[in-house]
Amino acid sequence: GTSLVPLLAGQNPGPVLPAFSQSTLYGAEKMAWRTDRWCLIVDKAREGEASIELYDMVADPLQTRDLARERPAVREELSRSLARFTRELELRAATIPTPEVRDMGPSRIKKYLESLEKLGYTGREGEDG
């Protein structure tokens, strides 16, 4: 993370890094790439091309005026920056080992519950099961 001490001391906190957010709803993926001035929103539909929106967060903080067509150079620069970031993210994610998946079938869960009951954690101690 970045230290907030310079900001709290009234000093220049340094460069503002872009913020990334992503959501998936009903198979459609949305990503946002936010700089100190611009917000790029990419909406990848299940099929077809992605729609791209661009907002000037200084002049239009409520994001009411899409500037994607009026500011193609900004749109392309932010799109490339977002693509680089997501590629790096995917490369880093590929280095994370896959965790071992353990059997959590009914017999395993029953054993866990019995252990928790013996320790007094379930509130069911002494009940006939």
N, C-alpha and C. Protein backbone atom coordinates (compact mmCIF):
# COMPACT_ATOMS: atom_id res chain seq x y z
N GLY A 1 0.81 -1.17 0.00
CA GLY A 1 0.00 0.00 0.00
C GLY A 1 0.86 1.25 0.00
N THR A 2 0.20 2.35 -0.02
CA THR A 2 0.86 3.65 -0.03
C THR A 2 0.62 4.33 1.30
N SER A 3 1.67 4.92 1.87
CA SER A 3 1.55 5.62 3.14
C SER A 3 0.70 6.88 2.98
N LEU A 4 -0.19 7.10 3.93
CA LEU A 4 -1.01 8.31 3.95
C LEU A 4 -0.39 9.41 4.80
N VAL A 5 0.76 9.15 5.42
CA VAL A 5 1.40 10.13 6.29
C VAL A 5 1.66 11.45 5.57
N PRO A 6 2.24 11.46 4.36
CA PRO A 6 2.46 12.75 3.70
C PRO A 6 1.16 13.53 3.48
N LEU A 7 0.11 12.85 3.12
CA LEU A 7 -1.18 13.50 2.89
C LEU A 7 -1.71 14.12 4.18
N LEU A 8 -1.61 13.36 5.29
CA LEU A 8 -2.07 13.86 6.59
C LEU A 8 -1.23 15.03 7.08
N ALA A 9 0.03 15.06 6.67
CA ALA A 9 0.93 16.15 7.07
C ALA A 9 0.82 17.35 6.14
N GLY A 10 -0.10 17.28 5.17
CA GLY A 10 -0.29 18.39 4.25
C GLY A 10 0.76 18.46 3.15
N GLN A 11 1.50 17.39 2.96
CA GLN A 11 2.54 17.34 1.93
C GLN A 11 1.99 16.64 0.69
N ASN A 12 2.73 16.75 -0.40
CA ASN A 12 2.35 16.06 -1.64
C ASN A 12 2.51 14.56 -1.42
N PRO A 13 1.42 13.78 -1.57
CA PRO A 13 1.51 12.35 -1.33
C PRO A 13 2.18 11.57 -2.46
N GLY A 14 2.53 12.25 -3.54
CA GLY A 14 3.16 11.58 -4.67
C GLY A 14 2.14 11.30 -5.75
N PRO A 15 2.54 10.51 -6.74
CA PRO A 15 1.64 10.27 -7.88
C PRO A 15 0.41 9.48 -7.45
N VAL A 16 -0.71 9.81 -8.09
CA VAL A 16 -1.95 9.08 -7.85
C VAL A 16 -1.99 7.90 -8.82
N LEU A 17 -2.08 6.72 -8.28
CA LEU A 17 -2.11 5.52 -9.10
C LEU A 17 -3.54 5.23 -9.54
N PRO A 18 -3.72 4.64 -10.71
CA PRO A 18 -5.07 4.30 -11.16
C PRO A 18 -5.71 3.27 -10.24
N ALA A 19 -7.03 3.31 -10.17
CA ALA A 19 -7.80 2.34 -9.41
C ALA A 19 -8.53 1.42 -10.39
N PHE A 20 -8.59 0.14 -10.05
CA PHE A 20 -9.22 -0.86 -10.91
C PHE A 20 -10.37 -1.50 -10.15
N SER A 21 -11.49 -1.71 -10.84
CA SER A 21 -12.57 -2.49 -10.26
C SER A 21 -13.16 -3.37 -11.34
N GLN A 22 -13.74 -4.47 -10.90
CA GLN A 22 -14.28 -5.46 -11.85
C GLN A 22 -15.48 -6.12 -11.21
N SER A 23 -16.50 -6.37 -12.02
CA SER A 23 -17.65 -7.12 -11.53
C SER A 23 -18.19 -7.97 -12.66
N THR A 24 -18.80 -9.07 -12.27
CA THR A 24 -19.43 -9.96 -13.24
C THR A 24 -20.84 -10.21 -12.77
N LEU A 25 -21.80 -9.97 -13.62
CA LEU A 25 -23.20 -10.18 -13.27
C LEU A 25 -23.89 -10.84 -14.45
N TYR A 26 -24.46 -11.99 -14.23
CA TYR A 26 -25.17 -12.74 -15.27
C TYR A 26 -24.30 -12.98 -16.50
N GLY A 27 -23.01 -13.22 -16.28
CA GLY A 27 -22.11 -13.55 -17.37
C GLY A 27 -21.48 -12.36 -18.07
N ALA A 28 -21.95 -11.15 -17.80
CA ALA A 28 -21.37 -9.95 -18.42
C ALA A 28 -20.34 -9.38 -17.44
N GLU A 29 -19.21 -8.98 -17.98
CA GLU A 29 -18.13 -8.47 -17.14
C GLU A 29 -17.98 -6.96 -17.36
N LYS A 30 -17.87 -6.23 -16.26
CA LYS A 30 -17.62 -4.80 -16.31
C LYS A 30 -16.31 -4.52 -15.60
N MET A 31 -15.50 -3.64 -16.20
CA MET A 31 -14.26 -3.21 -15.57
C MET A 31 -14.23 -1.68 -15.60
N ALA A 32 -13.65 -1.11 -14.56
CA ALA A 32 -13.46 0.34 -14.52
C ALA A 32 -12.00 0.63 -14.22
N TRP A 33 -11.48 1.65 -14.87
CA TRP A 33 -10.09 2.08 -14.71
C TRP A 33 -10.15 3.57 -14.42
N ARG A 34 -9.82 3.96 -13.20
CA ARG A 34 -10.01 5.33 -12.74
C ARG A 34 -8.67 5.98 -12.45
N THR A 35 -8.43 7.12 -13.11
CA THR A 35 -7.24 7.93 -12.82
C THR A 35 -7.71 9.14 -12.02
N ASP A 36 -6.80 10.07 -11.75
CA ASP A 36 -7.20 11.25 -11.00
C ASP A 36 -8.22 12.09 -11.76
N ARG A 37 -8.23 12.00 -13.08
CA ARG A 37 -9.17 12.78 -13.87
C ARG A 37 -10.22 11.95 -14.60
N TRP A 38 -9.85 10.80 -15.11
CA TRP A 38 -10.72 10.04 -16.02
C TRP A 38 -11.21 8.75 -15.40
N CYS A 39 -12.38 8.33 -15.88
CA CYS A 39 -12.91 7.01 -15.54
C CYS A 39 -13.33 6.32 -16.83
N LEU A 40 -12.69 5.19 -17.10
CA LEU A 40 -12.99 4.38 -18.28
C LEU A 40 -13.78 3.17 -17.80
N ILE A 41 -14.91 2.92 -18.42
CA ILE A 41 -15.74 1.76 -18.07
C ILE A 41 -15.87 0.88 -19.30
N VAL A 42 -15.49 -0.38 -19.15
CA VAL A 42 -15.56 -1.36 -20.24
C VAL A 42 -16.60 -2.39 -19.85
N ASP A 43 -17.60 -2.55 -20.69
CA ASP A 43 -18.68 -3.50 -20.44
C ASP A 43 -18.59 -4.59 -21.51
N LYS A 44 -18.09 -5.76 -21.10
CA LYS A 44 -17.94 -6.88 -22.03
C LYS A 44 -19.20 -7.73 -21.97
N ALA A 45 -19.99 -7.64 -23.00
CA ALA A 45 -21.21 -8.45 -23.08
C ALA A 45 -20.81 -9.91 -23.30
N ARG A 46 -21.75 -10.79 -23.10
CA ARG A 46 -21.47 -12.22 -23.31
C ARG A 46 -21.03 -12.51 -24.72
N GLU A 47 -21.63 -11.83 -25.65
CA GLU A 47 -21.26 -12.01 -27.06
C GLU A 47 -21.11 -10.63 -27.68
N GLY A 48 -20.25 -10.52 -28.66
CA GLY A 48 -20.09 -9.24 -29.36
C GLY A 48 -19.00 -8.39 -28.74
N GLU A 49 -18.92 -7.17 -29.25
CA GLU A 49 -17.87 -6.26 -28.80
C GLU A 49 -18.23 -5.60 -27.48
N ALA A 50 -17.19 -5.16 -26.79
CA ALA A 50 -17.38 -4.47 -25.53
C ALA A 50 -17.80 -3.02 -25.79
N SER A 51 -18.63 -2.50 -24.91
CA SER A 51 -18.94 -1.08 -24.99
C SER A 51 -18.00 -0.34 -24.04
N ILE A 52 -17.59 0.85 -24.46
CA ILE A 52 -16.63 1.62 -23.67
C ILE A 52 -17.22 2.99 -23.39
N GLU A 53 -17.15 3.40 -22.12
CA GLU A 53 -17.59 4.72 -21.71
C GLU A 53 -16.40 5.45 -21.10
N LEU A 54 -16.38 6.77 -21.25
CA LEU A 54 -15.30 7.59 -20.70
C LEU A 54 -15.91 8.83 -20.05
N TYR A 55 -15.50 9.09 -18.81
CA TYR A 55 -16.03 10.24 -18.08
C TYR A 55 -14.89 11.09 -17.53
N ASP A 56 -15.08 12.41 -17.59
CA ASP A 56 -14.15 13.37 -16.99
C ASP A 56 -14.63 13.59 -15.56
N MET A 57 -13.93 13.01 -14.59
CA MET A 57 -14.37 13.04 -13.20
C MET A 57 -14.20 14.40 -12.54
N VAL A 58 -13.40 15.28 -13.15
CA VAL A 58 -13.26 16.64 -12.62
C VAL A 58 -14.45 17.48 -13.06
N ALA A 59 -14.75 17.46 -14.35
CA ALA A 59 -15.84 18.26 -14.90
C ALA A 59 -17.21 17.62 -14.69
N ASP A 60 -17.25 16.28 -14.56
CA ASP A 60 -18.52 15.55 -14.52
C ASP A 60 -18.44 14.41 -13.50
N PRO A 61 -18.34 14.73 -12.20
CA PRO A 61 -18.16 13.66 -11.20
C PRO A 61 -19.34 12.70 -11.09
N LEU A 62 -20.51 13.09 -11.58
CA LEU A 62 -21.67 12.20 -11.53
C LEU A 62 -21.77 11.30 -12.75
N GLN A 63 -20.80 11.40 -13.65
CA GLN A 63 -20.71 10.56 -14.85
C GLN A 63 -22.00 10.62 -15.67
N THR A 64 -22.38 11.83 -16.07
CA THR A 64 -23.60 12.00 -16.86
C THR A 64 -23.31 12.17 -18.35
N ARG A 65 -22.06 12.46 -18.72
CA ARG A 65 -21.73 12.73 -20.12
C ARG A 65 -20.61 11.82 -20.59
N ASP A 66 -20.94 10.85 -21.40
CA ASP A 66 -19.97 9.90 -21.95
C ASP A 66 -19.13 10.60 -23.03
N LEU A 67 -17.81 10.63 -22.84
CA LEU A 67 -16.90 11.31 -23.76
C LEU A 67 -16.10 10.34 -24.62
N ALA A 68 -16.47 9.08 -24.65
CA ALA A 68 -15.68 8.08 -25.36
C ALA A 68 -15.49 8.42 -26.83
N ARG A 69 -16.49 8.96 -27.48
CA ARG A 69 -16.37 9.30 -28.91
C ARG A 69 -15.68 10.64 -29.10
N GLU A 70 -15.87 11.55 -28.17
CA GLU A 70 -15.29 12.89 -28.30
C GLU A 70 -13.81 12.93 -27.95
N ARG A 71 -13.36 12.00 -27.12
CA ARG A 71 -11.96 11.99 -26.68
C ARG A 71 -11.30 10.65 -27.00
N PRO A 72 -11.17 10.31 -28.29
CA PRO A 72 -10.65 8.98 -28.65
C PRO A 72 -9.21 8.75 -28.18
N ALA A 73 -8.39 9.78 -28.15
CA ALA A 73 -7.00 9.60 -27.71
C ALA A 73 -6.94 9.21 -26.23
N VAL A 74 -7.74 9.85 -25.41
CA VAL A 74 -7.79 9.51 -23.98
C VAL A 74 -8.35 8.10 -23.81
N ARG A 75 -9.43 7.80 -24.55
CA ARG A 75 -10.05 6.48 -24.48
C ARG A 75 -9.03 5.39 -24.82
N GLU A 76 -8.27 5.58 -25.90
CA GLU A 76 -7.29 4.57 -26.32
C GLU A 76 -6.14 4.44 -25.33
N GLU A 77 -5.66 5.56 -24.82
CA GLU A 77 -4.56 5.53 -23.84
C GLU A 77 -4.98 4.77 -22.59
N LEU A 78 -6.17 5.06 -22.07
CA LEU A 78 -6.65 4.37 -20.88
C LEU A 78 -6.95 2.90 -21.17
N SER A 79 -7.47 2.61 -22.35
CA SER A 79 -7.73 1.21 -22.73
C SER A 79 -6.44 0.40 -22.76
N ARG A 80 -5.38 0.99 -23.32
CA ARG A 80 -4.08 0.30 -23.35
C ARG A 80 -3.53 0.10 -21.93
N SER A 81 -3.66 1.12 -21.10
CA SER A 81 -3.19 1.03 -19.73
C SER A 81 -3.95 -0.05 -18.96
N LEU A 82 -5.26 -0.11 -19.15
CA LEU A 82 -6.07 -1.15 -18.51
C LEU A 82 -5.68 -2.53 -19.02
N ALA A 83 -5.46 -2.66 -20.31
CA ALA A 83 -5.06 -3.96 -20.88
C ALA A 83 -3.72 -4.42 -20.32
N ARG A 84 -2.76 -3.50 -20.18
CA ARG A 84 -1.46 -3.86 -19.58
C ARG A 84 -1.65 -4.33 -18.15
N PHE A 85 -2.47 -3.59 -17.40
CA PHE A 85 -2.71 -3.95 -16.00
C PHE A 85 -3.34 -5.33 -15.88
N THR A 86 -4.37 -5.62 -16.68
CA THR A 86 -5.03 -6.92 -16.58
C THR A 86 -4.12 -8.06 -17.03
N ARG A 87 -3.25 -7.80 -18.03
CA ARG A 87 -2.27 -8.83 -18.42
C ARG A 87 -1.32 -9.13 -17.26
N GLU A 88 -0.82 -8.07 -16.61
CA GLU A 88 0.08 -8.28 -15.46
C GLU A 88 -0.62 -9.03 -14.35
N LEU A 89 -1.88 -8.69 -14.12
CA LEU A 89 -2.66 -9.35 -13.08
C LEU A 89 -2.82 -10.84 -13.39
N GLU A 90 -3.11 -11.17 -14.64
CA GLU A 90 -3.25 -12.57 -15.05
C GLU A 90 -1.92 -13.31 -14.91
N LEU A 91 -0.81 -12.66 -15.26
CA LEU A 91 0.50 -13.31 -15.12
C LEU A 91 0.82 -13.58 -13.65
N ARG A 92 0.52 -12.61 -12.79
CA ARG A 92 0.76 -12.82 -11.36
C ARG A 92 -0.15 -13.91 -10.81
N ALA A 93 -1.40 -13.93 -11.25
CA ALA A 93 -2.34 -14.94 -10.77
C ALA A 93 -1.89 -16.34 -11.17
N ALA A 94 -1.26 -16.46 -12.33
CA ALA A 94 -0.80 -17.77 -12.80
C ALA A 94 0.31 -18.35 -11.92
N THR A 95 0.98 -17.51 -11.14
CA THR A 95 2.07 -17.99 -10.28
C THR A 95 1.57 -18.46 -8.92
N ILE A 96 0.30 -18.22 -8.62
CA ILE A 96 -0.24 -18.62 -7.33
C ILE A 96 -0.63 -20.09 -7.40
N PRO A 97 -0.09 -20.89 -6.47
CA PRO A 97 -0.41 -22.32 -6.52
C PRO A 97 -1.89 -22.57 -6.23
N THR A 98 -2.43 -23.57 -6.87
CA THR A 98 -3.81 -23.96 -6.65
C THR A 98 -3.91 -24.70 -5.32
N PRO A 99 -4.81 -24.28 -4.44
CA PRO A 99 -4.90 -24.96 -3.15
C PRO A 99 -5.47 -26.37 -3.30
N GLU A 100 -5.10 -27.21 -2.36
CA GLU A 100 -5.61 -28.58 -2.35
C GLU A 100 -7.09 -28.53 -1.97
N VAL A 101 -7.90 -29.23 -2.72
CA VAL A 101 -9.33 -29.30 -2.43
C VAL A 101 -9.57 -30.53 -1.57
N ARG A 102 -10.16 -30.30 -0.42
CA ARG A 102 -10.41 -31.40 0.50
C ARG A 102 -11.86 -31.87 0.39
N ASP A 103 -12.03 -33.12 0.68
CA ASP A 103 -13.37 -33.70 0.67
C ASP A 103 -14.19 -33.07 1.79
N MET A 104 -15.29 -32.42 1.43
CA MET A 104 -16.18 -31.84 2.44
C MET A 104 -17.56 -32.47 2.32
N GLY A 105 -17.57 -33.76 2.01
CA GLY A 105 -18.83 -34.48 1.91
C GLY A 105 -19.51 -34.59 3.26
N PRO A 106 -20.70 -35.16 3.28
CA PRO A 106 -21.49 -35.24 4.52
C PRO A 106 -20.78 -35.93 5.67
N SER A 107 -20.01 -36.99 5.38
CA SER A 107 -19.34 -37.70 6.48
C SER A 107 -18.24 -36.82 7.10
N ARG A 108 -17.55 -36.04 6.28
CA ARG A 108 -16.50 -35.15 6.78
C ARG A 108 -17.12 -34.02 7.62
N ILE A 109 -18.22 -33.47 7.14
CA ILE A 109 -18.89 -32.39 7.87
C ILE A 109 -19.40 -32.91 9.21
N LYS A 110 -19.94 -34.13 9.22
CA LYS A 110 -20.44 -34.73 10.48
C LYS A 110 -19.30 -34.85 11.49
N LYS A 111 -18.12 -35.26 11.04
CA LYS A 111 -16.97 -35.37 11.94
C LYS A 111 -16.58 -34.01 12.51
N TYR A 112 -16.60 -32.97 11.66
CA TYR A 112 -16.28 -31.62 12.14
C TYR A 112 -17.30 -31.17 13.19
N LEU A 113 -18.58 -31.41 12.91
CA LEU A 113 -19.62 -31.01 13.87
C LEU A 113 -19.46 -31.75 15.20
N GLU A 114 -19.15 -33.03 15.13
CA GLU A 114 -18.95 -33.80 16.36
C GLU A 114 -17.77 -33.24 17.16
N SER A 115 -16.71 -32.88 16.47
CA SER A 115 -15.55 -32.30 17.15
C SER A 115 -15.90 -30.97 17.80
N LEU A 116 -16.66 -30.14 17.09
CA LEU A 116 -17.06 -28.84 17.63
C LEU A 116 -18.00 -29.00 18.82
N GLU A 117 -18.89 -30.00 18.76
CA GLU A 117 -19.80 -30.26 19.88
C GLU A 117 -19.02 -30.67 21.11
N LYS A 118 -18.02 -31.53 20.96
CA LYS A 118 -17.20 -31.96 22.09
C LYS A 118 -16.48 -30.78 22.74
N LEU A 119 -16.16 -29.78 21.92
CA LEU A 119 -15.48 -28.59 22.44
C LEU A 119 -16.46 -27.56 23.01
N GLY A 120 -17.76 -27.79 22.80
CA GLY A 120 -18.77 -26.88 23.33
C GLY A 120 -19.06 -25.68 22.45
N TYR A 121 -18.79 -25.78 21.17
CA TYR A 121 -18.95 -24.63 20.28
C TYR A 121 -20.26 -24.58 19.52
N THR A 122 -21.11 -25.58 19.62
CA THR A 122 -22.31 -25.59 18.79
C THR A 122 -23.58 -25.25 19.55
N GLY A 123 -23.56 -25.30 20.87
CA GLY A 123 -24.77 -25.07 21.64
C GLY A 123 -25.68 -26.28 21.64
N ARG A 124 -25.20 -27.39 21.07
CA ARG A 124 -26.01 -28.63 20.97
C ARG A 124 -25.46 -29.71 21.88
N GLU A 125 -24.56 -29.35 22.79
CA GLU A 125 -23.93 -30.36 23.62
C GLU A 125 -24.98 -31.09 24.46
N GLY A 126 -24.88 -32.38 24.51
CA GLY A 126 -25.77 -33.19 25.31
C GLY A 126 -27.08 -33.53 24.63
N GLU A 127 -27.35 -32.94 23.48
CA GLU A 127 -28.58 -33.29 22.73
C GLU A 127 -28.40 -34.65 22.10
N ASP A 128 -29.49 -35.33 21.96
CA ASP A 128 -29.43 -36.60 21.22
C ASP A 128 -29.55 -36.29 19.74
N GLY A 129 -28.61 -36.78 18.94
CA GLY A 129 -28.61 -36.44 17.53
C GLY A 129 -29.02 -37.57 16.73
